């Protein structure tokens, strides 16, 4: 059993994943095999919207003169 992090892609009206060659060779997976997968969704990390869903930035009021 192997583990890989892969990207879900659109194939027509469906979604699909690609099993990396190294994993298919290691685990002996071939075209037509029936396999079982566990899906664990991770947070999406791309350059845009990386903080989407987090609270908005709020500028602190001045008042920390003791640190300057």
N, C-alpha and C. Protein backbone atom coordinates (compact mmCIF):
# COMPACT_ATOMS: atom_id res chain seq x y z
N UNK A 1 0.85 -1.18 0.00
CA UNK A 1 0.00 0.00 0.00
C UNK A 1 0.89 1.23 0.00
N UNK A 2 0.58 2.18 -0.86
CA UNK A 2 1.35 3.41 -0.98
C UNK A 2 0.43 4.60 -0.77
N UNK A 3 1.05 5.76 -0.59
CA UNK A 3 0.29 6.99 -0.40
C UNK A 3 0.86 8.06 -1.31
N UNK A 4 -0.01 8.85 -1.91
CA UNK A 4 0.42 9.94 -2.78
C UNK A 4 -0.55 11.09 -2.64
N UNK A 5 -0.07 12.30 -2.85
CA UNK A 5 -0.92 13.47 -2.89
C UNK A 5 -1.07 13.85 -4.35
N UNK A 6 -2.30 13.80 -4.86
CA UNK A 6 -2.55 14.05 -6.27
C UNK A 6 -3.60 15.14 -6.43
N UNK A 7 -3.65 15.73 -7.62
CA UNK A 7 -4.60 16.79 -7.92
C UNK A 7 -5.80 16.21 -8.66
N UNK A 8 -7.00 16.59 -8.26
CA UNK A 8 -8.22 16.15 -8.91
C UNK A 8 -8.41 17.00 -10.16
N UNK A 9 -8.73 16.34 -11.28
CA UNK A 9 -8.92 17.05 -12.55
C UNK A 9 -10.29 16.71 -13.13
N UNK A 10 -10.79 17.59 -13.97
CA UNK A 10 -12.08 17.36 -14.62
C UNK A 10 -11.85 16.55 -15.89
N UNK A 11 -12.64 15.49 -16.03
CA UNK A 11 -12.65 14.65 -17.24
C UNK A 11 -14.08 14.58 -17.71
N UNK A 12 -14.43 15.41 -18.70
CA UNK A 12 -15.82 15.47 -19.16
C UNK A 12 -16.71 15.98 -18.06
N UNK A 13 -17.74 15.20 -17.70
CA UNK A 13 -18.64 15.58 -16.61
C UNK A 13 -18.23 14.96 -15.28
N UNK A 14 -17.07 14.33 -15.25
CA UNK A 14 -16.61 13.63 -14.04
C UNK A 14 -15.33 14.26 -13.52
N UNK A 15 -14.86 13.77 -12.39
CA UNK A 15 -13.58 14.16 -11.83
C UNK A 15 -12.70 12.91 -11.78
N UNK A 16 -11.40 13.10 -11.91
CA UNK A 16 -10.52 11.95 -11.88
C UNK A 16 -9.17 12.30 -11.29
N UNK A 17 -8.41 11.28 -10.97
CA UNK A 17 -7.05 11.45 -10.48
C UNK A 17 -6.13 10.57 -11.32
N UNK A 18 -4.86 10.88 -11.28
CA UNK A 18 -3.86 10.06 -11.96
C UNK A 18 -2.99 9.42 -10.90
N UNK A 19 -2.84 8.12 -10.98
CA UNK A 19 -1.96 7.40 -10.06
C UNK A 19 -0.55 7.47 -10.63
N UNK A 20 0.40 8.04 -9.88
CA UNK A 20 1.77 8.15 -10.39
C UNK A 20 2.36 6.78 -10.75
N UNK A 21 3.16 6.75 -11.80
CA UNK A 21 3.74 5.51 -12.30
C UNK A 21 4.51 4.76 -11.22
N UNK A 22 5.26 5.48 -10.41
CA UNK A 22 6.06 4.82 -9.37
C UNK A 22 5.16 4.02 -8.43
N UNK A 23 4.01 4.57 -8.09
CA UNK A 23 3.09 3.88 -7.18
C UNK A 23 2.44 2.70 -7.88
N UNK A 24 2.02 2.90 -9.14
CA UNK A 24 1.38 1.78 -9.84
C UNK A 24 2.35 0.62 -10.03
N UNK A 25 3.62 0.93 -10.30
CA UNK A 25 4.61 -0.13 -10.44
C UNK A 25 4.90 -0.80 -9.10
N UNK A 26 5.05 0.02 -8.06
CA UNK A 26 5.35 -0.51 -6.72
C UNK A 26 4.25 -1.43 -6.22
N UNK A 27 2.98 -1.02 -6.44
CA UNK A 27 1.85 -1.78 -5.92
C UNK A 27 1.28 -2.77 -6.94
N UNK A 28 1.88 -2.84 -8.11
CA UNK A 28 1.42 -3.80 -9.11
C UNK A 28 0.03 -3.51 -9.65
N UNK A 29 -0.31 -2.21 -9.81
CA UNK A 29 -1.63 -1.82 -10.32
C UNK A 29 -1.56 -1.77 -11.84
N UNK A 30 -2.56 -2.40 -12.49
CA UNK A 30 -2.62 -2.45 -13.95
C UNK A 30 -3.98 -1.98 -14.43
N UNK A 31 -4.05 -1.62 -15.70
CA UNK A 31 -5.31 -1.21 -16.33
C UNK A 31 -6.37 -2.28 -16.09
N UNK A 32 -7.54 -1.83 -15.64
CA UNK A 32 -8.65 -2.76 -15.40
C UNK A 32 -8.72 -3.28 -13.98
N UNK A 33 -7.66 -3.07 -13.18
CA UNK A 33 -7.70 -3.51 -11.77
C UNK A 33 -8.74 -2.71 -11.02
N UNK A 34 -9.33 -3.32 -10.04
CA UNK A 34 -10.24 -2.63 -9.13
C UNK A 34 -9.47 -2.38 -7.84
N UNK A 35 -9.42 -1.12 -7.44
CA UNK A 35 -8.67 -0.74 -6.24
C UNK A 35 -9.59 0.01 -5.29
N UNK A 36 -9.17 0.11 -4.05
CA UNK A 36 -9.90 0.87 -3.04
C UNK A 36 -9.02 2.06 -2.65
N UNK A 37 -9.63 3.25 -2.57
CA UNK A 37 -8.88 4.43 -2.16
C UNK A 37 -9.58 5.10 -0.98
N UNK A 38 -8.81 5.72 -0.12
CA UNK A 38 -9.33 6.55 0.96
C UNK A 38 -9.13 7.99 0.53
N UNK A 39 -10.17 8.80 0.63
CA UNK A 39 -10.09 10.20 0.23
C UNK A 39 -9.99 11.05 1.48
N UNK A 40 -8.91 11.81 1.56
CA UNK A 40 -8.71 12.75 2.65
C UNK A 40 -8.44 14.10 2.01
N UNK A 41 -9.39 15.01 2.11
CA UNK A 41 -9.26 16.32 1.46
C UNK A 41 -8.37 17.21 2.31
N UNK A 42 -7.39 17.82 1.65
CA UNK A 42 -6.52 18.77 2.33
C UNK A 42 -6.91 20.17 1.88
N UNK A 43 -6.49 21.16 2.63
CA UNK A 43 -6.77 22.53 2.24
C UNK A 43 -6.07 22.85 0.94
N UNK A 44 -6.75 23.57 0.10
CA UNK A 44 -6.19 23.96 -1.19
C UNK A 44 -5.15 25.06 -0.95
N UNK A 45 -3.98 24.87 -1.51
CA UNK A 45 -2.91 25.84 -1.34
C UNK A 45 -2.43 26.30 -2.71
N UNK A 46 -2.92 27.44 -3.16
CA UNK A 46 -2.37 28.03 -4.36
C UNK A 46 -1.99 29.46 -4.03
N UNK A 47 -1.33 30.11 -4.93
CA UNK A 47 -0.81 31.45 -4.67
C UNK A 47 -1.89 32.49 -4.43
N UNK A 48 -3.02 32.32 -5.08
CA UNK A 48 -4.10 33.29 -4.94
C UNK A 48 -5.14 32.74 -3.98
N UNK A 49 -5.59 33.57 -3.06
CA UNK A 49 -6.60 33.15 -2.11
C UNK A 49 -6.07 32.21 -1.05
N UNK A 50 -4.77 32.29 -0.77
CA UNK A 50 -4.16 31.35 0.16
C UNK A 50 -4.74 31.50 1.57
N UNK A 51 -5.25 32.68 1.89
CA UNK A 51 -5.83 32.90 3.22
C UNK A 51 -7.35 32.95 3.17
N UNK A 52 -7.94 32.44 2.09
CA UNK A 52 -9.39 32.44 1.96
C UNK A 52 -10.01 31.66 3.11
N UNK A 53 -10.99 32.27 3.74
CA UNK A 53 -11.66 31.62 4.85
C UNK A 53 -11.12 32.05 6.21
N UNK A 54 -9.98 32.73 6.22
CA UNK A 54 -9.43 33.22 7.47
C UNK A 54 -10.00 34.60 7.76
N UNK A 55 -9.99 35.05 9.01
CA UNK A 55 -10.51 36.38 9.32
C UNK A 55 -9.74 37.47 8.57
N UNK A 56 -10.44 38.53 8.23
CA UNK A 56 -9.80 39.63 7.52
C UNK A 56 -8.79 40.32 8.41
N UNK A 57 -7.79 40.90 7.78
CA UNK A 57 -6.74 41.62 8.50
C UNK A 57 -7.33 42.88 9.11
N UNK A 58 -7.06 43.09 10.37
CA UNK A 58 -7.51 44.30 11.06
C UNK A 58 -6.27 44.97 11.62
N UNK A 59 -6.06 46.22 11.20
CA UNK A 59 -4.89 46.96 11.67
C UNK A 59 -5.08 47.34 13.13
N UNK A 60 -4.05 47.06 13.92
CA UNK A 60 -4.12 47.42 15.33
C UNK A 60 -4.02 48.93 15.48
N UNK A 61 -4.69 49.42 16.50
CA UNK A 61 -4.60 50.84 16.80
C UNK A 61 -3.22 51.13 17.39
N UNK A 62 -2.73 52.34 17.13
CA UNK A 62 -1.46 52.74 17.75
C UNK A 62 -1.63 52.73 19.25
N UNK A 63 -0.57 52.51 19.95
CA UNK A 63 -0.67 52.47 21.39
C UNK A 63 0.38 51.58 21.99
N UNK A 64 1.32 51.14 21.17
CA UNK A 64 2.39 50.29 21.67
C UNK A 64 3.72 51.05 21.61
N UNK A 65 3.66 52.29 22.04
CA UNK A 65 4.86 53.13 21.99
C UNK A 65 6.00 52.58 22.82
N UNK A 66 5.67 51.77 23.83
CA UNK A 66 6.71 51.22 24.70
C UNK A 66 7.64 50.30 23.92
N UNK A 67 7.23 49.81 22.78
CA UNK A 67 8.08 48.93 21.99
C UNK A 67 8.96 49.70 21.01
N UNK A 68 8.68 50.97 20.82
CA UNK A 68 9.45 51.77 19.85
C UNK A 68 10.41 52.60 20.62
